[in-house]
Amino acid sequence: MPSHRFTVGQVVRLVTTTGLSPAAAVIYTVAAPMPVYNNSPQYRLWNEERHQERVARERDLEAVDLK
C-alpha cells in the first residue's frame, strides 16, 4: 500500500483544477491524511483565506515552497 508523502500542516497546490469552480482555492494546507483510494493516498485539505475544505488524491497535489 502506498504511504502518504505530505504531512499535516504542509502547504500544497492542486495540480488538477479541471471541473472546479473559478472561486475554488488552489493552495491548501494539509489538515489530515485519509485512506488510500484507487492506489493513491488522499488528504483532507483546508484553505483558511476562502474557508474551503476539500479532499484530494496525492497525485493531484504538489508541495509549495514558501521560501
PDB file of N, CA and C in Angstrom:
ATOM      1  N   MET A   1       0.848  -1.175   0.000  1.00  0.00           N
ATOM      2  CA  MET A   1       0.000   0.000   0.000  1.00  0.00           C
ATOM      3  C   MET A   1       0.897   1.242   0.000  1.00  0.00           C
ATOM      4  N   PRO A   2       0.582   2.237  -0.822  1.00  0.00           N
ATOM      5  CA  PRO A   2       1.384   3.462  -0.863  1.00  0.00           C
ATOM      6  C   PRO A   2       1.301   4.234   0.457  1.00  0.00           C
ATOM      7  N   SER A   3       2.399   4.910   0.811  1.00  0.00           N
ATOM      8  CA  SER A   3       2.383   5.728   2.026  1.00  0.00           C
ATOM      9  C   SER A   3       2.152   7.192   1.655  1.00  0.00           C
ATOM     10  N   HIS A   4       1.709   7.968   2.626  1.00  0.00           N
ATOM     11  CA  HIS A   4       1.419   9.382   2.417  1.00  0.00           C
ATOM     12  C   HIS A   4       2.720  10.181   2.322  1.00  0.00           C
ATOM     13  N   ARG A   5       2.837  11.012   1.322  1.00  0.00           N
ATOM     14  CA  ARG A   5       4.039  11.824   1.081  1.00  0.00           C
ATOM     15  C   ARG A   5       3.976  13.162   1.813  1.00  0.00           C
ATOM     16  N   PHE A   6       2.777  13.721   1.989  1.00  0.00           N
ATOM     17  CA  PHE A   6       2.612  15.033   2.623  1.00  0.00           C
ATOM     18  C   PHE A   6       2.249  14.870   4.092  1.00  0.00           C
ATOM     19  N   THR A   7       2.600  15.884   4.898  1.00  0.00           N
ATOM     20  CA  THR A   7       2.333  15.827   6.340  1.00  0.00           C
ATOM     21  C   THR A   7       1.321  16.900   6.736  1.00  0.00           C
ATOM     22  N   VAL A   8       0.697  16.695   7.880  1.00  0.00           N
ATOM     23  CA  VAL A   8      -0.266  17.662   8.403  1.00  0.00           C
ATOM     24  C   VAL A   8       0.439  19.003   8.575  1.00  0.00           C
ATOM     25  N   GLY A   9      -0.199  20.073   8.092  1.00  0.00           N
ATOM     26  CA  GLY A   9       0.357  21.418   8.180  1.00  0.00           C
ATOM     27  C   GLY A   9       1.137  21.837   6.949  1.00  0.00           C
ATOM     28  N   GLN A  10       1.455  20.895   6.082  1.00  0.00           N
ATOM     29  CA  GLN A  10       2.203  21.215   4.862  1.00  0.00           C
ATOM     30  C   GLN A  10       1.304  21.931   3.856  1.00  0.00           C
ATOM     31  N   VAL A  11       1.867  22.899   3.130  1.00  0.00           N
ATOM     32  CA  VAL A  11       1.120  23.658   2.129  1.00  0.00           C
ATOM     33  C   VAL A  11       1.292  22.973   0.778  1.00  0.00           C
ATOM     34  N   VAL A  12       0.154  22.761   0.098  1.00  0.00           N
ATOM     35  CA  VAL A  12       0.155  22.077  -1.194  1.00  0.00           C
ATOM     36  C   VAL A  12      -0.679  22.863  -2.203  1.00  0.00           C
ATOM     37  N   ARG A  13      -0.443  22.569  -3.466  1.00  0.00           N
ATOM     38  CA  ARG A  13      -1.174  23.198  -4.571  1.00  0.00           C
ATOM     39  C   ARG A  13      -1.904  22.101  -5.335  1.00  0.00           C
ATOM     40  N   LEU A  14      -3.149  22.398  -5.720  1.00  0.00           N
ATOM     41  CA  LEU A  14      -3.884  21.479  -6.592  1.00  0.00           C
ATOM     42  C   LEU A  14      -3.290  21.572  -7.987  1.00  0.00           C
ATOM     43  N   VAL A  15      -2.848  20.466  -8.536  1.00  0.00           N
ATOM     44  CA  VAL A  15      -2.286  20.434  -9.875  1.00  0.00           C
ATOM     45  C   VAL A  15      -3.418  20.321 -10.897  1.00  0.00           C
ATOM     46  N   THR A  16      -4.421  19.547 -10.559  1.00  0.00           N
ATOM     47  CA  THR A  16      -5.559  19.329 -11.443  1.00  0.00           C
ATOM     48  C   THR A  16      -6.729  20.186 -10.972  1.00  0.00           C
ATOM     49  N   THR A  17      -7.108  21.181 -11.759  1.00  0.00           N
ATOM     50  CA  THR A  17      -8.232  22.049 -11.375  1.00  0.00           C
ATOM     51  C   THR A  17      -9.397  21.922 -12.360  1.00  0.00           C
ATOM     52  N   THR A  18      -9.313  20.989 -13.285  1.00  0.00           N
ATOM     53  CA  THR A  18     -10.387  20.780 -14.255  1.00  0.00           C
ATOM     54  C   THR A  18     -11.687  20.464 -13.521  1.00  0.00           C
ATOM     55  N   GLY A  19     -12.729  21.168 -13.883  1.00  0.00           N
ATOM     56  CA  GLY A  19     -14.042  20.938 -13.294  1.00  0.00           C
ATOM     57  C   GLY A  19     -14.297  21.698 -12.011  1.00  0.00           C
ATOM     58  N   LEU A  20     -13.307  22.426 -11.514  1.00  0.00           N
ATOM     59  CA  LEU A  20     -13.511  23.206 -10.291  1.00  0.00           C
ATOM     60  C   LEU A  20     -14.086  24.576 -10.619  1.00  0.00           C
ATOM     61  N   SER A  21     -14.830  25.115  -9.696  1.00  0.00           N
ATOM     62  CA  SER A  21     -15.354  26.465  -9.831  1.00  0.00           C
ATOM     63  C   SER A  21     -14.194  27.457  -9.872  1.00  0.00           C
ATOM     64  N   PRO A  22     -14.326  28.537 -10.632  1.00  0.00           N
ATOM     65  CA  PRO A  22     -13.278  29.570 -10.622  1.00  0.00           C
ATOM     66  C   PRO A  22     -13.053  30.159  -9.229  1.00  0.00           C
ATOM     67  N   ALA A  23     -14.040  30.046  -8.350  1.00  0.00           N
ATOM     68  CA  ALA A  23     -13.915  30.563  -6.989  1.00  0.00           C
ATOM     69  C   ALA A  23     -13.184  29.587  -6.066  1.00  0.00           C
ATOM     70  N   ALA A  24     -12.886  28.400  -6.555  1.00  0.00           N
ATOM     71  CA  ALA A  24     -12.206  27.397  -5.725  1.00  0.00           C
ATOM     72  C   ALA A  24     -10.760  27.797  -5.483  1.00  0.00           C
ATOM     73  N   ALA A  25     -10.306  27.554  -4.275  1.00  0.00           N
ATOM     74  CA  ALA A  25      -8.911  27.822  -3.937  1.00  0.00           C
ATOM     75  C   ALA A  25      -8.008  26.819  -4.642  1.00  0.00           C
ATOM     76  N   VAL A  26      -6.751  27.186  -4.832  1.00  0.00           N
ATOM     77  CA  VAL A  26      -5.763  26.301  -5.447  1.00  0.00           C
ATOM     78  C   VAL A  26      -4.711  25.892  -4.412  1.00  0.00           C
ATOM     79  N   ILE A  27      -4.449  26.760  -3.433  1.00  0.00           N
ATOM     80  CA  ILE A  27      -3.461  26.493  -2.389  1.00  0.00           C
ATOM     81  C   ILE A  27      -4.194  26.090  -1.105  1.00  0.00           C
ATOM     82  N   TYR A  28      -3.741  24.983  -0.503  1.00  0.00           N
ATOM     83  CA  TYR A  28      -4.372  24.450   0.703  1.00  0.00           C
ATOM     84  C   TYR A  28      -3.308  24.013   1.697  1.00  0.00           C
ATOM     85  N   THR A  29      -3.731  23.833   2.935  1.00  0.00           N
ATOM     86  CA  THR A  29      -2.900  23.238   3.969  1.00  0.00           C
ATOM     87  C   THR A  29      -3.445  21.844   4.239  1.00  0.00           C
ATOM     88  N   VAL A  30      -2.555  20.869   4.383  1.00  0.00           N
ATOM     89  CA  VAL A  30      -2.983  19.501   4.685  1.00  0.00           C
ATOM     90  C   VAL A  30      -3.532  19.484   6.109  1.00  0.00           C
ATOM     91  N   ALA A  31      -4.800  19.101   6.236  1.00  0.00           N
ATOM     92  CA  ALA A  31      -5.443  19.038   7.550  1.00  0.00           C
ATOM     93  C   ALA A  31      -5.343  17.641   8.154  1.00  0.00           C
ATOM     94  N   ALA A  32      -5.399  16.599   7.292  1.00  0.00           N
ATOM     95  CA  ALA A  32      -5.334  15.228   7.800  1.00  0.00           C
ATOM     96  C   ALA A  32      -5.112  14.252   6.651  1.00  0.00           C
ATOM     97  N   PRO A  33      -4.379  13.173   6.916  1.00  0.00           N
ATOM     98  CA  PRO A  33      -4.283  12.125   5.910  1.00  0.00           C
ATOM     99  C   PRO A  33      -5.585  11.323   5.909  1.00  0.00           C
ATOM    100  N   MET A  34      -5.915  10.751   4.776  1.00  0.00           N
ATOM    101  CA  MET A  34      -7.113   9.919   4.656  1.00  0.00           C
ATOM    102  C   MET A  34      -6.714   8.588   4.019  1.00  0.00           C
ATOM    103  N   PRO A  35      -7.601   7.620   4.030  1.00  0.00           N
ATOM    104  CA  PRO A  35      -7.256   6.314   3.468  1.00  0.00           C
ATOM    105  C   PRO A  35      -6.921   6.382   1.975  1.00  0.00           C
ATOM    106  N   VAL A  36      -6.168   5.392   1.530  1.00  0.00           N
ATOM    107  CA  VAL A  36      -5.809   5.264   0.121  1.00  0.00           C
ATOM    108  C   VAL A  36      -7.061   4.943  -0.686  1.00  0.00           C
ATOM    109  N   TYR A  37      -7.196   5.591  -1.850  1.00  0.00           N
ATOM    110  CA  TYR A  37      -8.322   5.354  -2.749  1.00  0.00           C
ATOM    111  C   TYR A  37      -7.761   5.129  -4.155  1.00  0.00           C
ATOM    112  N   ASN A  38      -8.107   4.035  -4.785  1.00  0.00           N
ATOM    113  CA  ASN A  38      -7.590   3.695  -6.115  1.00  0.00           C
ATOM    114  C   ASN A  38      -6.075   3.804  -6.179  1.00  0.00           C
ATOM    115  N   ASN A  39      -5.406   3.245  -5.170  1.00  0.00           N
ATOM    116  CA  ASN A  39      -3.953   3.194  -5.082  1.00  0.00           C
ATOM    117  C   ASN A  39      -3.298   4.570  -4.954  1.00  0.00           C
ATOM    118  N   SER A  40      -4.034   5.577  -4.507  1.00  0.00           N
ATOM    119  CA  SER A  40      -3.473   6.910  -4.295  1.00  0.00           C
ATOM    120  C   SER A  40      -3.878   7.411  -2.906  1.00  0.00           C
ATOM    121  N   PRO A  41      -2.901   7.773  -2.057  1.00  0.00           N
ATOM    122  CA  PRO A  41      -3.246   8.354  -0.763  1.00  0.00           C
ATOM    123  C   PRO A  41      -4.101   9.612  -0.950  1.00  0.00           C
ATOM    124  N   GLN A  42      -4.973   9.859   0.005  1.00  0.00           N
ATOM    125  CA  GLN A  42      -5.838  11.046  -0.039  1.00  0.00           C
ATOM    126  C   GLN A  42      -5.564  11.911   1.183  1.00  0.00           C
ATOM    127  N   TYR A  43      -5.984  13.180   1.054  1.00  0.00           N
ATOM    128  CA  TYR A  43      -5.796  14.143   2.136  1.00  0.00           C
ATOM    129  C   TYR A  43      -7.032  15.020   2.279  1.00  0.00           C
ATOM    130  N   ARG A  44      -7.303  15.399   3.531  1.00  0.00           N
ATOM    131  CA  ARG A  44      -8.300  16.434   3.794  1.00  0.00           C
ATOM    132  C   ARG A  44      -7.523  17.737   3.793  1.00  0.00           C
ATOM    133  N   LEU A  45      -7.982  18.707   3.001  1.00  0.00           N
ATOM    134  CA  LEU A  45      -7.280  19.978   2.822  1.00  0.00           C
ATOM    135  C   LEU A  45      -8.147  21.131   3.308  1.00  0.00           C
ATOM    136  N   TRP A  46      -7.486  22.215   3.713  1.00  0.00           N
ATOM    137  CA  TRP A  46      -8.197  23.402   4.198  1.00  0.00           C
ATOM    138  C   TRP A  46      -7.520  24.657   3.656  1.00  0.00           C
ATOM    139  N   ASN A  47      -8.345  25.605   3.147  1.00  0.00           N
ATOM    140  CA  ASN A  47      -7.850  26.910   2.732  1.00  0.00           C
ATOM    141  C   ASN A  47      -8.458  27.933   3.681  1.00  0.00           C
ATOM    142  N   GLU A  48      -7.618  28.521   4.527  1.00  0.00           N
ATOM    143  CA  GLU A  48      -8.084  29.460   5.562  1.00  0.00           C
ATOM    144  C   GLU A  48      -8.676  30.724   4.949  1.00  0.00           C
ATOM    145  N   GLU A  49      -8.043  31.257   3.915  1.00  0.00           N
ATOM    146  CA  GLU A  49      -8.481  32.511   3.308  1.00  0.00           C
ATOM    147  C   GLU A  49      -9.919  32.431   2.770  1.00  0.00           C
ATOM    148  N   ARG A  50     -10.227  31.349   2.101  1.00  0.00           N
ATOM    149  CA  ARG A  50     -11.561  31.199   1.491  1.00  0.00           C
ATOM    150  C   ARG A  50     -12.487  30.298   2.291  1.00  0.00           C
ATOM    151  N   HIS A  51     -12.007  29.800   3.421  1.00  0.00           N
ATOM    152  CA  HIS A  51     -12.779  28.882   4.265  1.00  0.00           C
ATOM    153  C   HIS A  51     -13.331  27.722   3.444  1.00  0.00           C
ATOM    154  N   GLN A  52     -12.438  27.099   2.679  1.00  0.00           N
ATOM    155  CA  GLN A  52     -12.823  25.960   1.842  1.00  0.00           C
ATOM    156  C   GLN A  52     -12.099  24.703   2.311  1.00  0.00           C
ATOM    157  N   GLU A  53     -12.857  23.635   2.352  1.00  0.00           N
ATOM    158  CA  GLU A  53     -12.305  22.332   2.690  1.00  0.00           C
ATOM    159  C   GLU A  53     -12.556  21.408   1.512  1.00  0.00           C
ATOM    160  N   ARG A  54     -11.617  20.506   1.262  1.00  0.00           N
ATOM    161  CA  ARG A  54     -11.812  19.534   0.180  1.00  0.00           C
ATOM    162  C   ARG A  54     -10.959  18.307   0.462  1.00  0.00           C
ATOM    163  N   VAL A  55     -11.250  17.254  -0.256  1.00  0.00           N
ATOM    164  CA  VAL A  55     -10.449  16.040  -0.216  1.00  0.00           C
ATOM    165  C   VAL A  55      -9.809  15.889  -1.584  1.00  0.00           C
ATOM    166  N   ALA A  56      -8.512  15.543  -1.613  1.00  0.00           N
ATOM    167  CA  ALA A  56      -7.819  15.375  -2.886  1.00  0.00           C
ATOM    168  C   ALA A  56      -6.875  14.182  -2.804  1.00  0.00           C
ATOM    169  N   ARG A  57      -6.650  13.564  -3.943  1.00  0.00           N
ATOM    170  CA  ARG A  57      -5.687  12.468  -4.023  1.00  0.00           C
ATOM    171  C   ARG A  57      -4.282  13.037  -4.140  1.00  0.00           C
ATOM    172  N   GLU A  58      -3.316  12.300  -3.641  1.00  0.00           N
ATOM    173  CA  GLU A  58      -1.932  12.749  -3.651  1.00  0.00           C
ATOM    174  C   GLU A  58      -1.444  13.056  -5.063  1.00  0.00           C
ATOM    175  N   ARG A  59      -1.870  12.284  -6.035  1.00  0.00           N
ATOM    176  CA  ARG A  59      -1.409  12.505  -7.416  1.00  0.00           C
ATOM    177  C   ARG A  59      -1.909  13.822  -7.994  1.00  0.00           C
ATOM    178  N   ASP A  60      -2.884  14.460  -7.341  1.00  0.00           N
ATOM    179  CA  ASP A  60      -3.415  15.741  -7.797  1.00  0.00           C
ATOM    180  C   ASP A  60      -2.814  16.926  -7.045  1.00  0.00           C
ATOM    181  N   LEU A  61      -1.767  16.666  -6.246  1.00  0.00           N
ATOM    182  CA  LEU A  61      -1.166  17.706  -5.403  1.00  0.00           C
ATOM    183  C   LEU A  61       0.326  17.815  -5.644  1.00  0.00           C
ATOM    184  N   GLU A  62       0.865  19.022  -5.368  1.00  0.00           N
ATOM    185  CA  GLU A  62       2.309  19.223  -5.354  1.00  0.00           C
ATOM    186  C   GLU A  62       2.641  20.117  -4.170  1.00  0.00           C
ATOM    187  N   ALA A  63       3.821  19.927  -3.606  1.00  0.00           N
ATOM    188  CA  ALA A  63       4.257  20.723  -2.460  1.00  0.00           C
ATOM    189  C   ALA A  63       4.523  22.157  -2.894  1.00  0.00           C
ATOM    190  N   VAL A  64       4.249  23.091  -1.995  1.00  0.00           N
ATOM    191  CA  VAL A  64       4.521  24.518  -2.235  1.00  0.00           C
ATOM    192  C   VAL A  64       5.683  24.916  -1.344  1.00  0.00           C
ATOM    193  N   ASP A  65       6.690  25.537  -1.936  1.00  0.00           N
ATOM    194  CA  ASP A  65       7.846  26.024  -1.195  1.00  0.00           C
ATOM    195  C   ASP A  65       7.567  27.466  -0.781  1.00  0.00           C
ATOM    196  N   LEU A  66       7.432  27.709   0.505  1.00  0.00           N
ATOM    197  CA  LEU A  66       7.069  29.035   0.999  1.00  0.00           C
ATOM    198  C   LEU A  66       8.274  29.943   1.240  1.00  0.00           C
ATOM    199  N   LYS A  67       9.439  29.584   0.781  1.00  0.00           N
ATOM    200  CA  LYS A  67      10.649  30.396   0.999  1.00  0.00           C
ATOM    201  C   LYS A  67      10.681  31.606   0.125  1.00  0.00           C
TER     202      LYS A  67
END
